[in-house]
Protein backbone atom coordinates (compact mmCIF):
# COMPACT_ATOMS: atom_id res chain seq x y z
CA MET A 1 -66.23 60.11 -153.18
CA TYR A 2 -69.25 62.35 -152.70
CA LYS A 3 -69.17 65.03 -149.98
CA TYR A 4 -72.30 66.58 -148.50
CA ASN A 5 -73.17 70.16 -149.38
CA ASP A 6 -75.10 72.53 -147.10
CA PHE A 7 -78.45 71.24 -148.37
CA ASP A 8 -77.53 67.61 -147.71
CA GLU A 9 -76.38 68.44 -144.19
CA ALA A 10 -79.52 70.41 -143.35
CA PHE A 11 -81.81 67.77 -144.86
CA VAL A 12 -80.32 64.87 -142.89
CA ARG A 13 -80.23 66.83 -139.62
CA GLU A 14 -83.89 67.80 -140.04
CA ARG A 15 -84.88 64.18 -140.61
CA VAL A 16 -83.03 63.12 -137.44
CA ALA A 17 -84.81 65.82 -135.44
CA GLN A 18 -88.19 64.73 -136.80
CA PHE A 19 -87.53 61.11 -135.98
CA ARG A 20 -86.25 61.95 -132.51
CA ALA A 21 -89.63 63.51 -131.77
CA GLN A 22 -91.46 60.51 -133.23
CA VAL A 23 -89.41 58.08 -131.13
CA GLN A 24 -90.18 60.05 -128.00
CA ARG A 25 -93.90 59.93 -128.79
CA ARG A 26 -93.64 56.15 -129.18
CA ILE A 27 -91.79 55.80 -125.86
CA ASP A 28 -94.37 58.03 -124.15
CA GLY A 29 -97.21 55.92 -125.54
CA ALA A 30 -98.66 58.68 -127.71
CA LEU A 31 -98.04 56.43 -130.74
CA THR A 32 -98.91 52.75 -130.93
CA GLU A 33 -96.49 50.37 -132.64
CA ASP A 34 -98.80 50.25 -135.67
CA GLU A 35 -98.82 54.05 -135.86
CA PHE A 36 -95.06 54.20 -135.36
CA LYS A 37 -94.27 51.54 -137.98
CA PRO A 38 -94.46 53.68 -141.16
CA LEU A 39 -92.44 56.41 -139.45
CA ARG A 40 -89.64 54.10 -138.33
CA LEU A 41 -89.50 52.34 -141.70
CA MET A 42 -88.87 55.67 -143.42
CA ASN A 43 -85.77 55.91 -141.24
CA GLY A 44 -84.44 52.37 -141.64
CA LEU A 45 -85.67 50.97 -138.34
CA TYR A 46 -87.15 47.46 -138.30
CA LEU A 47 -88.68 45.40 -135.52
CA GLN A 48 -87.08 41.96 -135.65
CA LEU A 49 -87.50 38.80 -133.58
CA HIS A 50 -85.64 39.99 -130.50
CA ALA A 51 -85.07 43.72 -130.86
CA TYR A 52 -85.18 46.67 -133.21
CA MET A 53 -82.73 46.60 -136.11
CA LEU A 54 -81.25 49.72 -137.70
CA ARG A 55 -80.19 49.49 -141.33
CA VAL A 56 -77.69 52.19 -142.31
CA ALA A 57 -77.27 53.20 -145.94
CA VAL A 58 -73.86 52.89 -147.56
CA PRO A 59 -74.64 54.46 -150.96
CA TYR A 60 -73.22 52.35 -153.79
CA GLY A 61 -71.06 50.68 -151.13
CA THR A 62 -68.50 53.49 -150.77
CA LEU A 63 -67.03 54.50 -147.39
CA ASN A 64 -64.10 56.53 -146.13
CA PRO A 65 -62.03 55.60 -143.05
CA GLY A 66 -63.77 58.15 -140.82
CA GLN A 67 -67.16 56.68 -141.68
CA MET A 68 -65.95 53.14 -141.00
CA ARG A 69 -64.61 54.24 -137.62
CA GLN A 70 -67.96 55.83 -136.81
CA LEU A 71 -69.70 52.56 -137.67
CA ALA A 72 -67.32 50.84 -135.26
CA MET A 73 -68.17 53.36 -132.54
CA LEU A 74 -71.89 52.75 -133.04
CA ALA A 75 -71.35 49.00 -132.76
CA GLU A 76 -69.56 49.40 -129.43
CA ARG A 77 -71.69 52.10 -127.86
CA PHE A 78 -75.17 51.13 -128.99
CA ASP A 79 -75.01 47.48 -130.08
CA ARG A 80 -73.09 44.34 -129.09
CA GLY A 81 -69.74 45.22 -130.60
CA TYR A 82 -70.32 44.22 -134.21
CA GLY A 83 -72.20 45.16 -137.36
CA HIS A 84 -73.61 43.04 -140.19
CA PHE A 85 -72.83 44.01 -143.80
CA THR A 86 -75.64 43.11 -146.20
CA THR A 87 -76.26 42.17 -149.81
CA ARG A 88 -77.55 45.74 -150.36
CA GLN A 89 -74.08 47.11 -149.51
CA ASN A 90 -75.50 48.43 -146.22
CA ILE A 91 -74.73 47.72 -142.57
CA GLN A 92 -77.24 46.55 -139.98
CA TYR A 93 -77.20 46.82 -136.20
CA ASN A 94 -79.27 44.06 -134.65
CA TRP A 95 -79.56 45.14 -131.00
CA PRO A 96 -80.11 48.91 -130.63
CA LYS A 97 -82.44 50.24 -127.95
CA LEU A 98 -85.22 52.40 -129.33
CA GLN A 99 -84.32 55.38 -127.17
CA ASP A 100 -80.75 55.29 -128.55
CA VAL A 101 -81.64 55.28 -132.25
CA PRO A 102 -81.89 59.10 -132.64
CA ASP A 103 -78.42 59.44 -131.10
CA MET A 104 -77.15 56.83 -133.55
CA LEU A 105 -78.64 58.78 -136.45
CA ASP A 106 -77.09 62.02 -135.19
CA ALA A 107 -73.70 60.29 -135.00
CA LEU A 108 -74.17 59.04 -138.56
CA ALA A 109 -74.98 62.56 -139.72
CA ASP A 110 -71.67 63.70 -138.21
CA VAL A 111 -69.89 61.64 -140.90
CA GLU A 112 -72.35 62.27 -143.77
CA MET A 113 -74.34 59.06 -143.37
CA HIS A 114 -77.98 58.21 -142.68
CA ALA A 115 -80.60 55.44 -142.72
CA ILE A 116 -83.16 57.16 -144.96
CA GLN A 117 -85.00 54.90 -147.44
CA THR A 118 -83.24 51.72 -146.37
CA SER A 119 -86.72 50.28 -145.83
CA GLY A 120 -90.31 50.91 -146.84
CA ASN A 121 -92.06 50.92 -150.23
CA THR A 122 -89.75 53.45 -151.77
CA ILE A 123 -86.56 53.57 -153.83
CA ARG A 124 -83.94 51.85 -151.69
CA ASN A 125 -80.17 52.31 -151.48
CA VAL A 126 -78.76 52.43 -155.02
CA THR A 127 -76.12 49.72 -155.36
CA SER A 128 -73.17 49.39 -157.71
CA ASP A 129 -70.10 47.38 -158.66
CA HIS A 130 -67.84 47.12 -155.61
CA PHE A 131 -64.81 47.36 -157.93
CA ALA A 132 -66.13 50.61 -159.46
CA GLY A 133 -63.45 53.10 -160.46
CA ALA A 134 -60.73 50.47 -160.16
CA ALA A 135 -61.65 47.44 -162.30
CA ALA A 136 -59.53 46.71 -165.34
CA ASP A 137 -62.58 45.83 -167.45
CA GLU A 138 -64.56 48.97 -166.60
CA ILE A 139 -65.88 51.31 -169.31
CA GLU A 140 -66.68 54.10 -166.87
CA ASP A 141 -67.08 54.56 -163.11
CA PRO A 142 -70.82 54.05 -162.42
CA ARG A 143 -70.84 55.72 -159.00
CA PRO A 144 -71.51 59.31 -160.16
CA TYR A 145 -74.69 58.03 -161.80
CA ALA A 146 -75.59 56.10 -158.66
CA GLU A 147 -75.13 59.29 -156.62
CA LEU A 148 -77.28 61.23 -159.10
CA LEU A 149 -80.01 58.62 -158.70
CA ARG A 150 -79.65 58.72 -154.92
CA GLN A 151 -80.15 62.48 -154.80
CA TRP A 152 -83.08 62.37 -157.22
CA SER A 153 -84.86 59.54 -155.39
CA THR A 154 -84.34 60.72 -151.79
CA ASP A 155 -87.66 62.04 -150.49
CA HIS A 156 -89.05 62.20 -154.05
CA PRO A 157 -92.66 63.25 -153.35
CA GLU A 158 -94.19 60.93 -155.96
CA PHE A 159 -92.28 57.80 -154.98
CA GLN A 160 -92.45 57.56 -151.19
CA PHE A 161 -95.38 55.11 -151.19
CA LEU A 162 -94.84 52.87 -154.20
CA PRO A 163 -96.75 49.57 -154.57
CA ARG A 164 -93.65 47.83 -153.17
CA LYS A 165 -89.97 48.44 -152.47
CA PHE A 166 -87.89 49.42 -155.49
CA LYS A 167 -84.22 48.62 -156.10
CA ILE A 168 -81.79 50.05 -158.65
CA ALA A 169 -78.28 48.83 -159.47
CA VAL A 170 -75.65 50.35 -161.77
CA THR A 171 -72.56 48.74 -163.27
CA GLY A 172 -69.88 50.22 -165.49
CA ALA A 173 -68.33 47.01 -166.79
CA PRO A 174 -69.34 44.22 -169.19
CA ASN A 175 -68.65 41.70 -166.42
CA ASP A 176 -71.57 42.31 -164.09
CA ARG A 177 -70.56 42.44 -160.43
CA ALA A 178 -73.74 44.29 -159.36
CA VAL A 179 -76.39 41.67 -160.31
CA VAL A 180 -78.23 44.27 -162.41
CA ARG A 181 -80.59 41.72 -163.97
CA ALA A 182 -82.04 40.87 -160.54
CA HIS A 183 -83.13 44.46 -159.87
CA ASP A 184 -86.28 46.45 -160.53
CA ILE A 185 -84.10 48.66 -162.72
CA GLY A 186 -80.63 47.58 -163.79
CA LEU A 187 -78.32 49.98 -165.59
CA GLN A 188 -75.25 48.81 -167.47
CA ILE A 189 -72.86 51.33 -169.00
CA VAL A 190 -72.24 50.38 -172.64
CA LYS A 191 -70.87 51.89 -175.85
CA ASN A 192 -72.88 52.07 -179.05
CA ASP A 193 -71.59 51.53 -182.58
CA SER A 194 -70.48 55.17 -182.75
CA GLY A 195 -68.37 54.82 -179.63
CA GLU A 196 -70.71 56.91 -177.48
CA THR A 197 -71.20 55.89 -173.85
CA GLY A 198 -74.71 55.34 -172.52
CA PHE A 199 -76.83 52.79 -170.68
CA LYS A 200 -78.44 49.48 -171.41
CA VAL A 201 -81.64 49.69 -169.35
CA ILE A 202 -83.08 46.53 -167.79
CA ILE A 203 -86.36 46.32 -165.89
CA GLY A 204 -88.40 43.75 -164.03
CA GLY A 205 -85.71 41.63 -162.47
CA GLY A 206 -86.02 40.27 -158.97
CA LEU A 207 -85.82 37.23 -156.74
CA GLY A 208 -88.20 36.39 -153.87
CA ARG A 209 -91.08 33.96 -154.31
CA THR A 210 -91.25 34.67 -158.07
CA PRO A 211 -87.70 34.99 -159.40
CA MET A 212 -87.40 36.69 -162.78
CA VAL A 213 -84.50 37.77 -164.97
CA GLY A 214 -84.73 41.45 -165.94
CA LYS A 215 -85.66 42.37 -169.50
CA VAL A 216 -83.98 44.97 -171.71
CA ILE A 217 -86.27 47.94 -172.30
CA ARG A 218 -83.62 50.11 -173.98
CA ASP A 219 -80.45 48.82 -175.63
CA PHE A 220 -78.89 52.27 -175.53
CA LEU A 221 -79.95 55.30 -173.53
CA PRO A 222 -77.84 58.47 -173.82
CA LYS A 223 -76.35 59.46 -170.47
CA ALA A 224 -78.09 62.84 -170.54
CA ASP A 225 -81.47 61.07 -170.53
CA LEU A 226 -80.84 58.93 -167.46
CA LEU A 227 -83.00 60.70 -164.87
CA PRO A 228 -86.07 61.43 -167.02
CA TYR A 229 -86.04 57.85 -168.33
CA VAL A 230 -85.71 56.27 -164.89
CA GLU A 231 -88.43 58.58 -163.59
CA ALA A 232 -90.64 57.52 -166.48
CA ILE A 233 -90.19 53.85 -165.53
CA VAL A 234 -90.97 54.41 -161.86
CA SER A 235 -93.90 56.67 -162.73
CA VAL A 236 -95.49 54.05 -164.97
CA TYR A 237 -94.93 51.38 -162.31
CA ASN A 238 -96.44 53.60 -159.63
CA LEU A 239 -99.67 53.81 -161.66
CA LEU A 240 -99.84 50.21 -162.91
CA GLY A 241 -98.31 48.30 -160.00
CA ARG A 242 -100.71 46.22 -157.94
CA ARG A 243 -101.60 47.28 -154.43
CA ASP A 244 -104.16 44.54 -153.76
CA ASN A 245 -101.57 41.80 -153.17
CA LYS A 246 -98.09 42.55 -151.85
CA TYR A 247 -96.79 39.31 -153.33
CA LYS A 248 -97.68 40.58 -156.81
CA ALA A 249 -96.75 44.20 -156.29
CA ARG A 250 -93.14 44.31 -157.56
CA ILE A 251 -92.44 45.71 -161.01
CA LYS A 252 -91.41 42.26 -162.25
CA ILE A 253 -95.07 41.20 -161.90
CA THR A 254 -96.25 44.44 -163.52
CA VAL A 255 -94.05 43.74 -166.53
CA HIS A 256 -95.10 40.09 -166.63
CA GLU A 257 -98.83 40.82 -166.44
CA ASN A 258 -98.83 43.73 -168.90
CA GLY A 259 -96.10 42.55 -171.26
CA LEU A 260 -92.83 44.27 -172.08
CA ASP A 261 -94.22 45.85 -175.27
CA LYS A 262 -97.00 47.67 -173.42
CA ILE A 263 -94.69 48.77 -170.62
CA THR A 264 -92.17 50.04 -173.17
CA ARG A 265 -94.82 52.11 -174.98
CA LEU A 266 -96.03 53.65 -171.73
CA VAL A 267 -92.50 54.39 -170.51
CA GLU A 268 -91.44 55.96 -173.80
CA ALA A 269 -94.57 58.15 -173.85
CA ARG A 270 -94.01 59.25 -170.25
CA PHE A 271 -90.34 59.90 -171.02
CA VAL A 272 -91.32 62.30 -173.82
CA GLU A 273 -93.53 64.17 -171.34
CA LEU A 274 -90.93 64.34 -168.59
CA ARG A 275 -87.78 65.10 -170.55
CA PRO A 276 -88.45 68.83 -171.16
CA HIS A 277 -89.04 69.46 -167.45
CA PHE A 278 -85.43 68.63 -166.53
CA GLN A 279 -84.02 71.39 -168.78
CA GLY A 280 -80.46 70.18 -168.34
CA ALA A 281 -80.37 70.71 -164.58
CA ASP A 282 -79.67 67.02 -164.04
CA VAL A 283 -76.75 67.12 -166.49
CA ALA A 284 -75.24 70.11 -164.70
CA LEU A 285 -75.69 68.36 -161.36
CA LEU A 286 -74.03 65.22 -162.72
CA GLU A 287 -71.00 67.24 -163.78
CA ARG A 288 -70.60 68.60 -160.25
CA ILE A 289 -71.04 65.13 -158.77
CA ALA A 290 -68.61 63.47 -161.18
CA ALA A 291 -65.87 65.91 -160.18
CA GLN A 292 -65.94 64.39 -156.70
CA PHE A 293 -65.25 60.90 -158.06
CA ALA A 294 -61.95 61.67 -159.71
CA PRO A 295 -59.68 58.65 -159.33
CA PRO A 296 -56.84 58.92 -156.80
CA PRO A 297 -53.34 59.57 -158.14
CA LEU A 298 -51.91 56.14 -158.86
CA PRO A 299 -48.46 56.43 -160.39
CA GLU A 300 -46.99 53.30 -161.86
CA VAL A 301 -44.83 51.78 -159.15
CA GLY A 302 -42.56 48.81 -158.79
CA LEU A 303 -43.52 45.57 -157.08
CA GLY A 304 -41.11 46.01 -154.17
CA ALA A 305 -40.93 42.83 -152.10
CA PHE A 306 -44.16 41.44 -153.54
CA GLU A 307 -42.67 38.82 -155.86
CA GLN A 308 -40.27 37.47 -153.24
CA ALA A 309 -43.06 37.20 -150.67
CA PHE A 310 -45.39 35.61 -153.22
CA ASP A 311 -42.79 32.96 -154.09
CA SER A 312 -41.70 32.19 -150.53
CA ASP A 313 -44.87 32.44 -148.41
CA PRO A 314 -47.59 29.93 -149.39
CA VAL A 315 -50.17 31.48 -147.03
CA PHE A 316 -49.68 34.89 -148.61
CA ARG A 317 -49.71 33.36 -152.10
CA ALA A 318 -53.03 31.61 -151.47
CA TRP A 319 -54.54 34.89 -150.26
CA VAL A 320 -53.29 36.78 -153.31
CA ASP A 321 -54.61 34.10 -155.65
CA SER A 322 -58.13 34.25 -154.22
CA ASN A 323 -58.56 37.73 -152.73
CA VAL A 324 -56.63 40.05 -155.04
CA ALA A 325 -58.03 41.24 -158.38
CA GLU A 326 -56.50 43.08 -161.31
CA HIS A 327 -56.50 46.89 -161.16
CA ARG A 328 -56.78 49.18 -164.17
CA VAL A 329 -53.41 50.79 -163.26
CA PRO A 330 -50.31 48.57 -163.55
CA GLY A 331 -48.60 47.91 -160.24
CA HIS A 332 -51.83 48.23 -158.29
CA ALA A 333 -54.50 45.79 -157.15
CA ILE A 334 -57.99 45.45 -155.69
CA VAL A 335 -58.16 43.60 -152.37
CA THR A 336 -61.19 41.71 -151.08
CA ILE A 337 -61.20 41.51 -147.29
CA SER A 338 -63.18 38.38 -146.49
CA LEU A 339 -65.76 38.64 -143.73
CA LYS A 340 -66.24 34.87 -144.04
CA ALA A 341 -63.68 33.34 -141.70
CA HIS A 342 -64.53 29.65 -141.38
CA GLY A 343 -67.19 29.14 -138.75
CA GLN A 344 -68.02 32.83 -138.37
CA THR A 345 -71.24 34.65 -139.32
CA PRO A 346 -71.02 35.76 -142.97
CA GLY A 347 -70.92 39.54 -143.23
CA ASP A 348 -70.24 40.29 -139.55
CA ALA A 349 -67.35 42.52 -138.52
CA THR A 350 -66.38 43.53 -135.01
CA ALA A 351 -65.74 47.14 -134.07
CA GLU A 352 -62.03 46.41 -133.80
CA GLN A 353 -61.99 44.80 -137.24
CA MET A 354 -63.75 47.85 -138.69
CA ARG A 355 -61.03 50.06 -137.23
CA VAL A 356 -58.31 47.85 -138.71
CA MET A 357 -59.92 48.14 -142.14
CA ALA A 358 -60.21 51.91 -141.72
CA ASP A 359 -56.52 52.10 -140.77
CA LEU A 360 -55.52 50.07 -143.82
CA ALA A 361 -57.56 52.27 -146.14
CA GLU A 362 -55.87 55.31 -144.65
CA ALA A 363 -52.35 53.90 -144.78
CA PHE A 364 -52.46 52.00 -148.07
CA GLY A 365 -55.80 52.53 -149.84
CA HIS A 366 -56.20 56.21 -150.69
CA HIS A 367 -58.89 56.59 -148.02
CA GLU A 368 -61.44 54.38 -149.77
CA LEU A 369 -63.37 51.27 -148.75
CA ARG A 370 -66.20 49.47 -150.47
CA ILE A 371 -68.88 47.11 -149.22
CA SER A 372 -69.69 44.34 -151.69
CA HIS A 373 -73.10 42.78 -152.24
CA GLU A 374 -71.30 39.54 -151.36
CA GLN A 375 -70.91 40.82 -147.77
CA ASN A 376 -67.18 41.50 -147.91
CA VAL A 377 -65.13 44.71 -147.72
CA ILE A 378 -62.95 45.96 -150.56
CA LEU A 379 -59.78 48.07 -150.69
CA PRO A 380 -60.11 49.25 -154.30
CA HIS A 381 -56.77 51.04 -154.77
CA VAL A 382 -53.63 49.49 -153.27
CA ALA A 383 -50.09 49.16 -154.57
CA ARG A 384 -48.95 45.60 -155.09
CA ALA A 385 -45.79 46.48 -153.20
CA ASP A 386 -47.96 46.99 -150.09
CA LEU A 387 -49.88 43.71 -150.29
CA TYR A 388 -47.58 41.77 -147.97
CA ALA A 389 -47.87 44.41 -145.24
CA ILE A 390 -51.65 44.59 -145.72
CA HIS A 391 -51.95 40.81 -145.47
CA ALA A 392 -49.94 40.72 -142.24
CA ARG A 393 -52.22 43.29 -140.58
CA LEU A 394 -55.35 41.55 -141.81
CA ARG A 395 -54.06 38.22 -140.55
CA ALA A 396 -53.51 39.64 -137.08
CA ALA A 397 -57.13 40.88 -137.07
CA GLY A 398 -58.67 37.59 -138.28
CA LEU A 399 -59.47 39.12 -141.66
CA ALA A 400 -57.05 37.31 -143.98
CA THR A 401 -59.15 34.26 -144.87
CA ALA A 402 -58.11 33.28 -148.40
CA ASN A 403 -61.53 32.30 -149.70
CA ALA A 404 -62.99 35.07 -151.88
CA GLY A 405 -65.16 33.36 -154.49
CA LEU A 406 -64.67 29.92 -152.96
CA ILE A 407 -67.10 27.54 -151.28
CA SER A 408 -66.87 29.18 -147.82
CA ASP A 409 -67.40 32.70 -149.19
CA ILE A 410 -71.12 32.18 -148.62
CA ILE A 411 -73.84 34.79 -148.88
CA ALA A 412 -76.36 34.22 -146.10
CA CYS A 413 -79.28 36.25 -144.81
CA PRO A 414 -79.73 36.62 -141.00
CA GLY A 415 -82.40 33.90 -141.12
CA MET A 416 -84.31 32.75 -138.07
CA ASP A 417 -81.55 33.90 -135.71
CA TYR A 418 -82.79 37.47 -136.15
CA CYS A 419 -85.43 37.97 -138.84
CA ALA A 420 -89.14 37.96 -138.00
CA LEU A 421 -89.97 36.77 -141.53
CA ALA A 422 -87.56 33.84 -141.64
CA THR A 423 -88.79 30.26 -141.59
CA ALA A 424 -85.41 28.54 -141.13
CA ARG A 425 -81.87 29.18 -140.00
CA SER A 426 -79.27 30.41 -142.49
CA ILE A 427 -76.23 31.40 -140.44
CA PRO A 428 -75.59 27.98 -138.80
CA VAL A 429 -75.89 26.25 -142.17
CA ALA A 430 -73.32 28.61 -143.69
CA GLN A 431 -71.00 28.10 -140.72
CA GLN A 432 -71.25 24.32 -140.93
CA ILE A 433 -70.60 24.21 -144.69
CA ALA A 434 -67.57 26.48 -144.32
CA THR A 435 -66.03 24.54 -141.45
CA ARG A 436 -66.73 21.16 -143.06
CA PHE A 437 -64.93 21.96 -146.33
CA ASP A 438 -62.12 23.69 -144.46
CA ALA A 439 -61.67 20.47 -142.51
CA LEU A 440 -61.70 18.43 -145.73
CA LYS A 441 -59.04 20.79 -147.23
CA LEU A 442 -60.91 20.77 -150.53
CA GLU A 443 -61.77 24.43 -150.87
CA HIS A 444 -59.01 25.51 -153.24
CA ASP A 445 -59.24 22.27 -155.22
CA ILE A 446 -62.97 22.90 -155.79
CA GLY A 447 -62.22 26.37 -157.13
CA PRO A 448 -64.74 29.13 -157.89
CA LEU A 449 -68.12 28.28 -156.39
CA LYS A 450 -70.83 30.56 -155.05
CA ILE A 451 -73.19 29.20 -152.38
CA LYS A 452 -76.05 31.47 -151.36
CA ILE A 453 -78.48 30.74 -148.51
CA SER A 454 -81.89 32.28 -147.74
CA GLY A 455 -83.91 31.60 -144.62
CA CYS A 456 -87.26 32.22 -146.30
CA ILE A 457 -88.95 32.70 -149.66
CA ASN A 458 -88.06 36.41 -149.71
CA ALA A 459 -84.59 35.38 -150.93
CA CYS A 460 -82.49 38.01 -149.12
CA GLY A 461 -79.60 35.56 -149.45
CA HIS A 462 -79.98 35.50 -153.27
CA HIS A 463 -80.21 31.70 -153.31
CA HIS A 464 -81.84 31.68 -156.76
CA VAL A 465 -78.61 32.91 -158.37
CA GLY A 466 -76.17 30.76 -156.43
CA HIS A 467 -74.19 28.11 -158.25
CA ILE A 468 -75.61 26.15 -155.32
CA GLY A 469 -78.62 27.81 -153.75
CA ILE A 470 -80.16 26.80 -150.42
CA LEU A 471 -83.65 27.89 -149.36
CA GLY A 472 -84.79 27.21 -145.83
CA LEU A 473 -88.52 26.66 -145.34
CA ASP A 474 -90.90 25.55 -142.63
CA ARG A 475 -92.54 22.18 -143.27
CA ALA A 476 -95.08 21.44 -140.52
CA GLY A 477 -92.90 23.13 -137.93
CA VAL A 478 -89.67 21.48 -139.13
CA GLU A 479 -86.86 23.20 -141.03
CA ASN A 480 -86.55 21.92 -144.58
CA TYR A 481 -83.89 23.04 -147.05
CA GLN A 482 -84.41 23.05 -150.82
CA ILE A 483 -81.40 23.05 -153.13
CA THR A 484 -81.05 24.71 -156.53
CA LEU A 485 -78.15 24.28 -158.93
CA GLY A 486 -76.76 26.26 -161.84
CA GLY A 487 -77.83 29.78 -160.92
CA THR A 488 -75.68 32.83 -161.55
CA GLY A 489 -76.08 36.56 -160.95
CA THR A 490 -73.66 37.75 -163.61
CA GLU A 491 -74.32 39.34 -167.02
CA ASP A 492 -75.75 36.00 -168.20
CA MET A 493 -78.03 35.69 -165.15
CA VAL A 494 -79.80 32.36 -164.74
CA VAL A 495 -82.18 31.23 -162.00
CA GLY A 496 -81.04 27.89 -160.58
CA ASP A 497 -82.87 24.59 -161.09
CA ARG A 498 -84.49 22.93 -158.11
CA THR A 499 -83.06 19.49 -157.46
CA GLY A 500 -86.12 17.93 -155.84
CA PRO A 501 -87.40 17.38 -152.29
CA GLY A 502 -85.75 19.35 -149.50
CA PHE A 503 -83.46 18.14 -146.75
CA ALA A 504 -83.68 18.29 -142.96
CA TYR A 505 -81.41 20.63 -141.04
CA ASP A 506 -79.01 17.81 -140.08
CA GLN A 507 -78.91 16.51 -143.66
CA ILE A 508 -78.21 19.68 -145.65
CA VAL A 509 -74.43 19.68 -145.18
CA PRO A 510 -74.07 15.99 -146.21
CA ALA A 511 -76.22 16.79 -149.24
CA ILE A 512 -73.84 19.58 -150.26
CA GLU A 513 -70.95 17.16 -149.78
CA ARG A 514 -72.55 14.73 -152.23
CA ILE A 515 -72.99 17.49 -154.79
CA ILE A 516 -69.35 18.50 -154.50
CA ALA A 517 -68.13 14.89 -154.65
CA THR A 518 -70.08 14.40 -157.88
CA TYR A 519 -68.57 17.54 -159.36
CA LEU A 520 -65.01 16.54 -158.44
CA ASP A 521 -65.54 13.05 -159.83
CA GLN A 522 -67.04 14.16 -163.13
CA ARG A 523 -65.30 17.42 -164.03
CA GLU A 524 -63.22 17.16 -167.19
CA ALA A 525 -60.21 18.96 -165.72
CA PRO A 526 -59.32 20.92 -162.59
CA GLU A 527 -59.89 24.08 -164.62
CA GLU A 528 -63.55 23.23 -165.26
CA THR A 529 -65.56 25.20 -162.70
CA PHE A 530 -68.59 23.83 -160.91
CA LEU A 531 -70.91 26.04 -162.96
CA ASP A 532 -69.33 24.95 -166.25
CA ALA A 533 -69.53 21.31 -165.22
CA TYR A 534 -73.19 21.65 -164.28
CA ARG A 535 -73.97 23.26 -167.63
CA ARG A 536 -72.23 20.41 -169.42
CA LEU A 537 -73.58 17.55 -167.30
CA GLY A 538 -77.04 18.79 -166.47
CA MET A 539 -79.02 17.90 -163.36
CA ALA A 540 -79.02 14.08 -163.69
CA PRO A 541 -75.73 13.06 -161.98
CA PHE A 542 -76.27 15.52 -159.10
CA LYS A 543 -79.84 14.39 -158.57
CA ALA A 544 -78.73 10.76 -158.52
CA ALA A 545 -76.19 11.61 -155.83
CA LEU A 546 -78.67 13.57 -153.77
CA TYR A 547 -81.49 11.00 -153.85
CA PRO A 548 -79.83 7.54 -153.89
CA VAL A 549 -82.95 5.85 -152.47
CA GLU A 550 -85.01 7.03 -155.43
CA LYS A 551 -82.27 5.78 -157.76
CA ALA A 552 -82.25 2.34 -156.13
CA HIS A 553 -86.04 2.17 -156.19
CA ALA A 554 -86.11 3.02 -159.89
CA ALA A 555 -83.63 0.24 -160.58
């Protein structure tokens, strides 16, 4: 993984010192909250419902054990003993005191971390496939390119005050685990007909109040052209993007209003202008960066006691079946550590749990951890022979829930429990769904199913691309939950279909039960997933189950 050089270290320390002075001016009253707001946002500090919230960047989701332990220390010393991992592969602290934030940032700098550009109308944390460098289907590790983009975009003088926030995701596999088509720029590593490796470039994706699937602007971009081409896109957006209405300021609206053909012409023209100015410096930098992402030595090893444990221990077997993925090296595996224990807050981890995960990465995982956009933690490189020992230690820490990709592995935004923008609760709904289906013992029978919950129209819970999406809204002071079906955030991204009128808070879980009962009753075989069944059946049987009064009235 990437290690700071002298410039990186000096840059981050200088930013902490600047912000320390700004915080002191706010505490002294020399700055009003309105004057302080743009300064704190540049350093990842939000003002939420009850307290400030600090969002810490985890670039492309990659951490080492020392960094995870430092995050645990921050949770204990400056927060309430836990952190919340987000769909941007970051971590948030919900209860810091303003006067403590500079000390938190200094502690982050000690382990080569920061909170720069995790908020504001700038280029945010670049995200990537959480299985990067390990996945069996991967063409190439996308993280060196994500790091190149991170360095280029950090404090870029032209792009600090864009029309709106800007998000970039990179994936190196044909099976998209980074939701690239829901980003302002999505980059997918591909091979052309000559066998050369480059990028498919996608622009104008996004969720929120106007969900749109990204459009391909370049089928194949040579790797050497990555930075000038991305800069050309952002430069064109910076000029054309609307600043009169923040709800129409994202690049997806710019592409929609101007048309892809016009945007493509402008980007290609700007690319021709910019390309000579790079003079190969970006390519040389990429080579230095890529050297730091060399895969760990993973010799082919035997399975040890794995097969015997798998055959004899049904709890371990269930965990392996759901939480362990194929690795590119035989005898190894990728482990998803679920932060979705039934009834718990999705994405939360205690300081002690963070230390356990750090210890496991050190002992078994070649000193690497990943944060997934699905709010779980990944051990990307483990020997299958070590899985039984890993499972035992996770189980003791409350981290061995065997539900990755199942109905209780729910993505949920903080909702009205924390967020000042939220109009409904998300966390309690997720908790109730998880505990209900755990009680029914249906989770593994249902099979792969992604539920995503947002507490407002901003869609931080990605509800539009959930197989079942739930959007909480305010209807005359009462929480009301809309349901969408059939969404997916993979390479064939689809925005879900709205079922109809929303449901009250105490009716949303029964509504989900009726959807699942319909699926189980009408699937062709146990192997037919919920998404496949919905695509075959369409909305009609699910709508009839959700709105039986309407059905009876029609009869």
